Amino acid sequence: MASGGSKSVALVLLTLNLVLYFIVIVIASWAMNHGIQRSGEAASVLTTPAHIFPIYFPMGNMTTGFFIIFTLIAGVVGFTTSVTGLNNIFQWNAPNLNAAAMSSLTTWALTLLAMGFACKEIERGWTDSNLRTLETITIIVTATQLLCTTVIHVGASEVPQRRV
């Protein structure tokens, strides 16, 4: 009976994460595109160490490049994990739940890394409003991914293991 509750909570959290990771991908892709388009003219006036870095982000601070790159990676991995996790949760058997639990844990680790860069960027100072939105959504999706990982692990421990 308890696994039915875990299944419904996991489905809601995975659907929420699917939407949040899609928003993260859209905003991080926009920021990456903006950085690539403006890097030529903006980086030409920089000193040599900053001039060598191929992508200079004209908005934000010096943490922005790392934040955007790791957030984009975490967004793509998280979106993929949410889609495959929904399929695994619909199956609701031990092998699929164990696969969903491991991929969910990996996604949470990547999202936690991106959240660390978001916190560092907030600490460093001034950022654009789009970057503040991305920072906020990254912090929120880290929390929801942790909840989702916990629920999937609980569901995987409740499903009986088949012996072959």
N, C-alpha and C. Protein backbone atom coordinates (compact mmCIF):
# COMPACT_ATOMS: atom_id res chain seq x y z
N MET A 1 0.81 -1.19 0.00
CA MET A 1 0.00 0.00 0.00
C MET A 1 0.86 1.25 0.00
N ALA A 2 1.97 1.20 0.73
CA ALA A 2 2.83 2.38 0.80
C ALA A 2 3.53 2.64 -0.52
N SER A 3 3.76 1.59 -1.30
CA SER A 3 4.44 1.79 -2.58
C SER A 3 3.57 2.56 -3.56
N GLY A 4 2.24 2.47 -3.43
CA GLY A 4 1.36 3.26 -4.28
C GLY A 4 1.53 4.74 -4.01
N GLY A 5 1.71 5.11 -2.75
CA GLY A 5 1.96 6.51 -2.40
C GLY A 5 3.30 6.97 -2.92
N SER A 6 4.30 6.11 -2.81
CA SER A 6 5.63 6.46 -3.33
C SER A 6 5.60 6.63 -4.84
N LYS A 7 4.82 5.78 -5.49
CA LYS A 7 4.74 5.86 -6.94
C LYS A 7 4.09 7.17 -7.39
N SER A 8 3.01 7.57 -6.74
CA SER A 8 2.34 8.81 -7.14
C SER A 8 3.18 10.03 -6.82
N VAL A 9 3.87 10.03 -5.68
CA VAL A 9 4.74 11.15 -5.34
C VAL A 9 5.91 11.23 -6.31
N ALA A 10 6.47 10.07 -6.67
CA ALA A 10 7.58 10.05 -7.63
C ALA A 10 7.14 10.56 -8.99
N LEU A 11 5.94 10.18 -9.41
CA LEU A 11 5.44 10.67 -10.70
C LEU A 11 5.26 12.18 -10.70
N VAL A 12 4.72 12.73 -9.61
CA VAL A 12 4.53 14.18 -9.52
C VAL A 12 5.88 14.89 -9.52
N LEU A 13 6.83 14.38 -8.72
CA LEU A 13 8.15 15.03 -8.64
C LEU A 13 8.91 14.91 -9.96
N LEU A 14 8.82 13.78 -10.63
CA LEU A 14 9.49 13.63 -11.92
C LEU A 14 8.90 14.56 -12.97
N THR A 15 7.58 14.72 -12.95
CA THR A 15 6.95 15.64 -13.89
C THR A 15 7.36 17.08 -13.60
N LEU A 16 7.39 17.45 -12.32
CA LEU A 16 7.85 18.78 -11.93
C LEU A 16 9.30 19.01 -12.34
N ASN A 17 10.15 18.01 -12.11
CA ASN A 17 11.55 18.13 -12.51
C ASN A 17 11.71 18.21 -14.02
N LEU A 18 10.86 17.50 -14.75
CA LEU A 18 10.90 17.57 -16.21
C LEU A 18 10.67 19.00 -16.69
N VAL A 19 9.69 19.66 -16.12
CA VAL A 19 9.38 21.05 -16.49
C VAL A 19 10.51 21.98 -16.04
N LEU A 20 10.99 21.81 -14.80
CA LEU A 20 12.05 22.69 -14.30
C LEU A 20 13.35 22.52 -15.09
N TYR A 21 13.72 21.29 -15.40
CA TYR A 21 14.94 21.07 -16.17
C TYR A 21 14.80 21.63 -17.59
N PHE A 22 13.59 21.57 -18.17
CA PHE A 22 13.39 22.18 -19.48
C PHE A 22 13.60 23.69 -19.42
N ILE A 23 13.09 24.33 -18.38
CA ILE A 23 13.29 25.77 -18.20
C ILE A 23 14.78 26.07 -18.02
N VAL A 24 15.48 25.24 -17.26
CA VAL A 24 16.92 25.42 -17.06
C VAL A 24 17.66 25.30 -18.39
N ILE A 25 17.29 24.32 -19.20
CA ILE A 25 17.94 24.15 -20.51
C ILE A 25 17.71 25.37 -21.39
N VAL A 26 16.49 25.89 -21.41
CA VAL A 26 16.17 27.03 -22.27
C VAL A 26 16.97 28.26 -21.84
N ILE A 27 16.99 28.58 -20.56
CA ILE A 27 17.68 29.78 -20.10
C ILE A 27 19.20 29.62 -20.25
N ALA A 28 19.73 28.44 -19.88
CA ALA A 28 21.18 28.23 -20.01
C ALA A 28 21.61 28.21 -21.47
N SER A 29 20.79 27.69 -22.35
CA SER A 29 21.12 27.71 -23.78
C SER A 29 21.13 29.14 -24.32
N TRP A 30 20.16 29.94 -23.87
CA TRP A 30 20.14 31.34 -24.28
C TRP A 30 21.41 32.04 -23.81
N ALA A 31 21.79 31.82 -22.55
CA ALA A 31 22.98 32.47 -22.01
C ALA A 31 24.25 32.01 -22.74
N MET A 32 24.32 30.73 -23.06
CA MET A 32 25.47 30.22 -23.80
C MET A 32 25.53 30.84 -25.19
N ASN A 33 24.40 30.91 -25.88
CA ASN A 33 24.35 31.51 -27.20
C ASN A 33 24.73 32.99 -27.14
N HIS A 34 24.21 33.69 -26.14
CA HIS A 34 24.52 35.11 -25.97
C HIS A 34 26.02 35.31 -25.71
N GLY A 35 26.59 34.43 -24.89
CA GLY A 35 28.02 34.51 -24.61
C GLY A 35 28.88 34.24 -25.83
N ILE A 36 28.47 33.28 -26.64
CA ILE A 36 29.23 32.95 -27.85
C ILE A 36 29.15 34.09 -28.86
N GLN A 37 27.96 34.66 -29.05
CA GLN A 37 27.80 35.74 -30.02
C GLN A 37 28.56 37.00 -29.61
N ARG A 38 28.59 37.30 -28.34
CA ARG A 38 29.22 38.53 -27.89
C ARG A 38 30.67 38.35 -27.47
N SER A 39 31.21 37.13 -27.49
CA SER A 39 32.55 36.90 -26.97
C SER A 39 33.63 37.54 -27.84
N GLY A 40 33.43 37.61 -29.14
CA GLY A 40 34.45 38.17 -30.02
C GLY A 40 34.75 39.62 -29.73
N GLU A 41 33.71 40.44 -29.67
CA GLU A 41 33.93 41.85 -29.42
C GLU A 41 34.25 42.16 -27.95
N ALA A 42 33.68 41.40 -27.04
CA ALA A 42 33.89 41.68 -25.62
C ALA A 42 35.25 41.21 -25.13
N ALA A 43 35.72 40.08 -25.63
CA ALA A 43 36.99 39.52 -25.16
C ALA A 43 38.19 40.17 -25.83
N SER A 44 38.00 40.92 -26.90
CA SER A 44 39.14 41.52 -27.59
C SER A 44 39.84 42.58 -26.75
N VAL A 45 39.16 43.16 -25.79
CA VAL A 45 39.77 44.19 -24.95
C VAL A 45 40.30 43.64 -23.64
N LEU A 46 40.19 42.34 -23.41
CA LEU A 46 40.64 41.75 -22.16
C LEU A 46 42.13 41.44 -22.19
N THR A 47 42.71 41.20 -21.03
CA THR A 47 44.11 40.81 -20.94
C THR A 47 44.26 39.36 -21.42
N THR A 48 45.48 38.91 -21.55
CA THR A 48 45.76 37.62 -22.17
C THR A 48 45.11 36.42 -21.48
N PRO A 49 45.17 36.22 -20.17
CA PRO A 49 44.54 35.01 -19.63
C PRO A 49 43.04 34.93 -19.91
N ALA A 50 42.32 36.02 -19.79
CA ALA A 50 40.89 36.01 -20.06
C ALA A 50 40.62 35.99 -21.56
N HIS A 51 41.53 36.51 -22.35
CA HIS A 51 41.37 36.54 -23.80
C HIS A 51 41.49 35.14 -24.41
N ILE A 52 42.24 34.25 -23.76
CA ILE A 52 42.45 32.90 -24.26
C ILE A 52 41.20 32.04 -24.07
N PHE A 53 40.44 32.27 -23.00
CA PHE A 53 39.24 31.48 -22.73
C PHE A 53 38.27 31.67 -23.89
N PRO A 54 37.81 30.58 -24.53
CA PRO A 54 37.04 30.74 -25.77
C PRO A 54 35.66 31.37 -25.61
N ILE A 55 35.05 31.27 -24.46
CA ILE A 55 33.72 31.84 -24.27
C ILE A 55 33.78 32.83 -23.12
N TYR A 56 33.62 34.07 -23.44
CA TYR A 56 33.57 35.12 -22.43
C TYR A 56 32.12 35.56 -22.29
N PHE A 57 31.62 35.57 -21.07
CA PHE A 57 30.24 35.95 -20.85
C PHE A 57 30.18 37.42 -20.47
N PRO A 58 29.59 38.26 -21.34
CA PRO A 58 29.55 39.69 -21.07
C PRO A 58 28.60 40.07 -19.94
N MET A 59 27.72 39.18 -19.54
CA MET A 59 26.84 39.48 -18.42
C MET A 59 27.32 38.68 -17.21
N GLY A 60 27.00 39.13 -16.04
CA GLY A 60 27.38 38.42 -14.83
C GLY A 60 28.78 38.75 -14.36
N ASN A 61 29.38 37.80 -13.68
CA ASN A 61 30.73 37.99 -13.13
C ASN A 61 31.63 36.86 -13.62
N MET A 62 32.77 36.69 -13.01
CA MET A 62 33.74 35.71 -13.50
C MET A 62 33.32 34.26 -13.24
N THR A 63 32.32 34.04 -12.43
CA THR A 63 31.81 32.69 -12.18
C THR A 63 30.79 32.27 -13.23
N THR A 64 30.28 33.21 -14.00
CA THR A 64 29.18 32.96 -14.92
C THR A 64 29.50 31.86 -15.94
N GLY A 65 30.69 31.84 -16.48
CA GLY A 65 31.05 30.83 -17.48
C GLY A 65 30.92 29.41 -16.94
N PHE A 66 31.48 29.17 -15.77
CA PHE A 66 31.39 27.84 -15.17
C PHE A 66 29.95 27.51 -14.81
N PHE A 67 29.24 28.49 -14.27
CA PHE A 67 27.85 28.27 -13.88
C PHE A 67 26.99 27.89 -15.08
N ILE A 68 27.13 28.61 -16.17
CA ILE A 68 26.32 28.33 -17.37
C ILE A 68 26.64 26.95 -17.94
N ILE A 69 27.91 26.62 -18.04
CA ILE A 69 28.30 25.34 -18.63
C ILE A 69 27.80 24.17 -17.77
N PHE A 70 28.03 24.22 -16.46
CA PHE A 70 27.60 23.11 -15.61
C PHE A 70 26.09 23.05 -15.46
N THR A 71 25.41 24.19 -15.51
CA THR A 71 23.96 24.18 -15.45
C THR A 71 23.37 23.58 -16.72
N LEU A 72 23.96 23.88 -17.85
CA LEU A 72 23.49 23.29 -19.11
C LEU A 72 23.69 21.78 -19.11
N ILE A 73 24.82 21.31 -18.64
CA ILE A 73 25.06 19.87 -18.55
C ILE A 73 24.07 19.22 -17.58
N ALA A 74 23.89 19.82 -16.41
CA ALA A 74 22.95 19.28 -15.42
C ALA A 74 21.52 19.31 -15.95
N GLY A 75 21.18 20.34 -16.71
CA GLY A 75 19.83 20.43 -17.28
C GLY A 75 19.55 19.34 -18.29
N VAL A 76 20.50 19.08 -19.17
CA VAL A 76 20.31 18.04 -20.19
C VAL A 76 20.25 16.66 -19.53
N VAL A 77 21.17 16.40 -18.61
CA VAL A 77 21.15 15.11 -17.91
C VAL A 77 19.88 14.96 -17.08
N GLY A 78 19.46 16.03 -16.40
CA GLY A 78 18.26 15.98 -15.59
C GLY A 78 17.00 15.78 -16.40
N PHE A 79 16.91 16.43 -17.55
CA PHE A 79 15.75 16.25 -18.43
C PHE A 79 15.68 14.81 -18.92
N THR A 80 16.81 14.28 -19.34
CA THR A 80 16.86 12.90 -19.82
C THR A 80 16.52 11.92 -18.71
N THR A 81 17.06 12.17 -17.53
CA THR A 81 16.76 11.30 -16.39
C THR A 81 15.29 11.36 -16.01
N SER A 82 14.68 12.52 -16.10
CA SER A 82 13.26 12.64 -15.78
C SER A 82 12.40 11.88 -16.78
N VAL A 83 12.75 11.95 -18.06
CA VAL A 83 11.98 11.23 -19.08
C VAL A 83 12.12 9.72 -18.88
N THR A 84 13.35 9.25 -18.72
CA THR A 84 13.54 7.81 -18.51
C THR A 84 13.03 7.37 -17.15
N GLY A 85 13.10 8.26 -16.16
CA GLY A 85 12.58 7.94 -14.83
C GLY A 85 11.07 7.76 -14.84
N LEU A 86 10.38 8.57 -15.64
CA LEU A 86 8.93 8.39 -15.77
C LEU A 86 8.61 7.01 -16.34
N ASN A 87 9.36 6.60 -17.34
CA ASN A 87 9.17 5.27 -17.91
C ASN A 87 9.46 4.19 -16.86
N ASN A 88 10.53 4.36 -16.10
CA ASN A 88 10.88 3.37 -15.08
C ASN A 88 9.84 3.31 -13.97
N ILE A 89 9.29 4.45 -13.59
CA ILE A 89 8.28 4.48 -12.53
C ILE A 89 6.98 3.83 -13.00
N PHE A 90 6.63 4.01 -14.27
CA PHE A 90 5.43 3.35 -14.79
C PHE A 90 5.58 1.83 -14.74
N GLN A 91 6.79 1.32 -14.97
CA GLN A 91 7.04 -0.12 -14.91
C GLN A 91 6.93 -0.64 -13.47
N TRP A 92 7.48 0.08 -12.52
CA TRP A 92 7.44 -0.18 -11.07
C TRP A 92 7.82 -1.62 -10.72
N ASN A 93 9.01 -2.01 -11.19
CA ASN A 93 9.59 -3.27 -10.74
C ASN A 93 11.01 -2.99 -10.28
N ALA A 94 11.62 -3.96 -9.63
CA ALA A 94 12.90 -3.74 -8.97
C ALA A 94 14.02 -3.29 -9.92
N PRO A 95 14.23 -3.94 -11.06
CA PRO A 95 15.33 -3.49 -11.93
C PRO A 95 15.14 -2.06 -12.43
N ASN A 96 13.91 -1.71 -12.82
CA ASN A 96 13.67 -0.35 -13.31
C ASN A 96 13.79 0.68 -12.21
N LEU A 97 13.32 0.35 -11.01
CA LEU A 97 13.44 1.31 -9.91
C LEU A 97 14.89 1.50 -9.48
N ASN A 98 15.68 0.44 -9.52
CA ASN A 98 17.10 0.58 -9.19
C ASN A 98 17.82 1.44 -10.24
N ALA A 99 17.47 1.27 -11.51
CA ALA A 99 18.06 2.11 -12.56
C ALA A 99 17.64 3.56 -12.38
N ALA A 100 16.36 3.78 -12.06
CA ALA A 100 15.88 5.15 -11.83
C ALA A 100 16.55 5.76 -10.61
N ALA A 101 16.77 4.97 -9.57
CA ALA A 101 17.40 5.49 -8.36
C ALA A 101 18.85 5.91 -8.63
N MET A 102 19.57 5.11 -9.38
CA MET A 102 20.98 5.45 -9.65
C MET A 102 21.10 6.66 -10.57
N SER A 103 20.27 6.72 -11.61
CA SER A 103 20.35 7.87 -12.50
C SER A 103 19.86 9.14 -11.80
N SER A 104 18.90 8.99 -10.91
CA SER A 104 18.42 10.14 -10.15
C SER A 104 19.50 10.66 -9.20
N LEU A 105 20.25 9.76 -8.61
CA LEU A 105 21.34 10.16 -7.72
C LEU A 105 22.46 10.86 -8.50
N THR A 106 22.78 10.36 -9.69
CA THR A 106 23.80 10.99 -10.53
C THR A 106 23.36 12.39 -10.96
N THR A 107 22.10 12.52 -11.33
CA THR A 107 21.56 13.82 -11.72
C THR A 107 21.59 14.79 -10.56
N TRP A 108 21.25 14.31 -9.38
CA TRP A 108 21.28 15.19 -8.20
C TRP A 108 22.70 15.67 -7.94
N ALA A 109 23.70 14.81 -8.11
CA ALA A 109 25.09 15.22 -7.90
C ALA A 109 25.51 16.31 -8.89
N LEU A 110 25.13 16.16 -10.16
CA LEU A 110 25.44 17.19 -11.15
C LEU A 110 24.70 18.49 -10.86
N THR A 111 23.45 18.37 -10.47
CA THR A 111 22.67 19.57 -10.15
C THR A 111 23.20 20.25 -8.90
N LEU A 112 23.69 19.47 -7.96
CA LEU A 112 24.31 20.04 -6.76
C LEU A 112 25.58 20.81 -7.11
N LEU A 113 26.34 20.31 -8.06
CA LEU A 113 27.52 21.03 -8.53
C LEU A 113 27.13 22.35 -9.19
N ALA A 114 26.10 22.32 -10.02
CA ALA A 114 25.62 23.56 -10.65
C ALA A 114 25.09 24.52 -9.59
N MET A 115 24.42 24.00 -8.56
CA MET A 115 23.92 24.86 -7.49
C MET A 115 25.07 25.51 -6.72
N GLY A 116 26.17 24.79 -6.57
CA GLY A 116 27.34 25.36 -5.92
C GLY A 116 27.87 26.56 -6.69
N PHE A 117 27.92 26.45 -8.01
CA PHE A 117 28.34 27.59 -8.82
C PHE A 117 27.30 28.71 -8.78
N ALA A 118 26.02 28.36 -8.66
CA ALA A 118 24.99 29.40 -8.54
C ALA A 118 25.17 30.17 -7.23
N CYS A 119 25.44 29.45 -6.16
CA CYS A 119 25.67 30.13 -4.86
C CYS A 119 26.92 30.99 -4.91
N LYS A 120 27.95 30.53 -5.58
CA LYS A 120 29.18 31.31 -5.71
C LYS A 120 28.93 32.56 -6.54
N GLU A 121 28.11 32.43 -7.58
CA GLU A 121 27.81 33.60 -8.41
C GLU A 121 26.97 34.61 -7.62
N ILE A 122 26.06 34.13 -6.80
CA ILE A 122 25.28 35.03 -5.95
C ILE A 122 26.19 35.74 -4.97
N GLU A 123 27.15 35.01 -4.42
CA GLU A 123 28.09 35.60 -3.46
C GLU A 123 28.99 36.64 -4.11
N ARG A 124 29.40 36.40 -5.37
CA ARG A 124 30.33 37.31 -6.05
C ARG A 124 29.70 38.65 -6.41
N GLY A 125 28.38 38.68 -6.60
CA GLY A 125 27.77 39.97 -6.83
C GLY A 125 26.89 40.05 -8.05
N TRP A 126 26.94 41.15 -8.73
CA TRP A 126 26.00 41.57 -9.75
C TRP A 126 25.83 40.52 -10.84
N THR A 127 24.55 40.23 -11.15
CA THR A 127 24.21 39.37 -12.28
C THR A 127 22.99 39.93 -12.99
N ASP A 128 22.80 39.50 -14.20
CA ASP A 128 21.66 39.88 -15.01
C ASP A 128 20.38 39.22 -14.46
N SER A 129 19.22 39.76 -14.80
CA SER A 129 17.97 39.19 -14.29
C SER A 129 17.73 37.78 -14.82
N ASN A 130 18.15 37.50 -16.04
CA ASN A 130 18.01 36.13 -16.56
C ASN A 130 18.89 35.16 -15.79
N LEU A 131 20.07 35.60 -15.41
CA LEU A 131 20.95 34.75 -14.62
C LEU A 131 20.41 34.55 -13.21
N ARG A 132 19.80 35.58 -12.64
CA ARG A 132 19.18 35.41 -11.32
C ARG A 132 18.04 34.41 -11.39
N THR A 133 17.28 34.44 -12.47
CA THR A 133 16.21 33.45 -12.66
C THR A 133 16.80 32.05 -12.75
N LEU A 134 17.88 31.90 -13.52
CA LEU A 134 18.53 30.60 -13.66
C LEU A 134 19.11 30.12 -12.34
N GLU A 135 19.69 31.03 -11.57
CA GLU A 135 20.22 30.67 -10.25
C GLU A 135 19.10 30.17 -9.34
N THR A 136 17.98 30.88 -9.33
CA THR A 136 16.86 30.51 -8.47
C THR A 136 16.29 29.16 -8.87
N ILE A 137 16.08 28.95 -10.16
CA ILE A 137 15.52 27.68 -10.62
C ILE A 137 16.49 26.54 -10.37
N THR A 138 17.78 26.80 -10.49
CA THR A 138 18.78 25.76 -10.20
C THR A 138 18.72 25.34 -8.74
N ILE A 139 18.58 26.29 -7.84
CA ILE A 139 18.49 25.97 -6.42
C ILE A 139 17.19 25.20 -6.13
N ILE A 140 16.09 25.61 -6.75
CA ILE A 140 14.82 24.92 -6.55
C ILE A 140 14.86 23.50 -7.10
N VAL A 141 15.42 23.32 -8.31
CA VAL A 141 15.46 21.99 -8.90
C VAL A 141 16.42 21.08 -8.14
N THR A 142 17.42 21.62 -7.47
CA THR A 142 18.29 20.80 -6.63
C THR A 142 17.49 20.20 -5.48
N ALA A 143 16.64 21.01 -4.87
CA ALA A 143 15.83 20.52 -3.76
C ALA A 143 14.80 19.49 -4.24
N THR A 144 14.14 19.77 -5.35
CA THR A 144 13.14 18.81 -5.84
C THR A 144 13.78 17.52 -6.33
N GLN A 145 14.99 17.62 -6.87
CA GLN A 145 15.70 16.41 -7.30
C GLN A 145 16.11 15.58 -6.09
N LEU A 146 16.48 16.21 -5.00
CA LEU A 146 16.80 15.47 -3.78
C LEU A 146 15.56 14.74 -3.26
N LEU A 147 14.42 15.42 -3.26
CA LEU A 147 13.18 14.77 -2.84
C LEU A 147 12.82 13.60 -3.75
N CYS A 148 12.97 13.81 -5.05
CA CYS A 148 12.67 12.77 -6.02
C CYS A 148 13.60 11.56 -5.84
N THR A 149 14.87 11.82 -5.63
CA THR A 149 15.83 10.74 -5.40
C THR A 149 15.46 9.95 -4.15
N THR A 150 15.09 10.66 -3.10
CA THR A 150 14.71 10.00 -1.85
C THR A 150 13.47 9.13 -2.05
N VAL A 151 12.47 9.66 -2.72
CA VAL A 151 11.22 8.90 -2.95
C VAL A 151 11.48 7.67 -3.81
N ILE A 152 12.32 7.80 -4.82
CA ILE A 152 12.61 6.65 -5.69
C ILE A 152 13.38 5.59 -4.91
N HIS A 153 14.33 6.02 -4.06
CA HIS A 153 15.07 5.06 -3.25
C HIS A 153 14.15 4.34 -2.26
N VAL A 154 13.21 5.07 -1.68
CA VAL A 154 12.24 4.44 -0.77
C VAL A 154 11.38 3.45 -1.55
N GLY A 155 10.91 3.84 -2.72
CA GLY A 155 10.12 2.92 -3.55
C GLY A 155 10.89 1.69 -3.97
N ALA A 156 12.18 1.86 -4.27
CA ALA A 156 13.00 0.72 -4.67
C ALA A 156 13.23 -0.23 -3.50
N SER A 157 13.28 0.29 -2.29
CA SER A 157 13.46 -0.60 -1.14
C SER A 157 12.16 -1.31 -0.76
N GLU A 158 11.01 -0.77 -1.14
CA GLU A 158 9.72 -1.39 -0.82
C GLU A 158 9.34 -2.50 -1.80
N VAL A 159 9.81 -2.41 -3.03
CA VAL A 159 9.47 -3.41 -4.04
C VAL A 159 10.27 -4.67 -3.76
N PRO A 160 9.61 -5.81 -3.68
CA PRO A 160 10.33 -7.05 -3.39
C PRO A 160 11.26 -7.44 -4.54
N GLN A 161 12.42 -7.93 -4.18
CA GLN A 161 13.41 -8.38 -5.17
C GLN A 161 13.05 -9.79 -5.63
N ARG A 162 13.06 -10.01 -6.93
CA ARG A 162 12.79 -11.35 -7.45
C ARG A 162 14.08 -12.17 -7.43
N ARG A 163 13.95 -13.39 -7.00
CA ARG A 163 15.11 -14.31 -7.01
C ARG A 163 15.00 -15.21 -8.22
N VAL A 164 16.11 -15.34 -8.90
CA VAL A 164 16.11 -16.15 -10.12
C VAL A 164 16.70 -17.50 -9.85
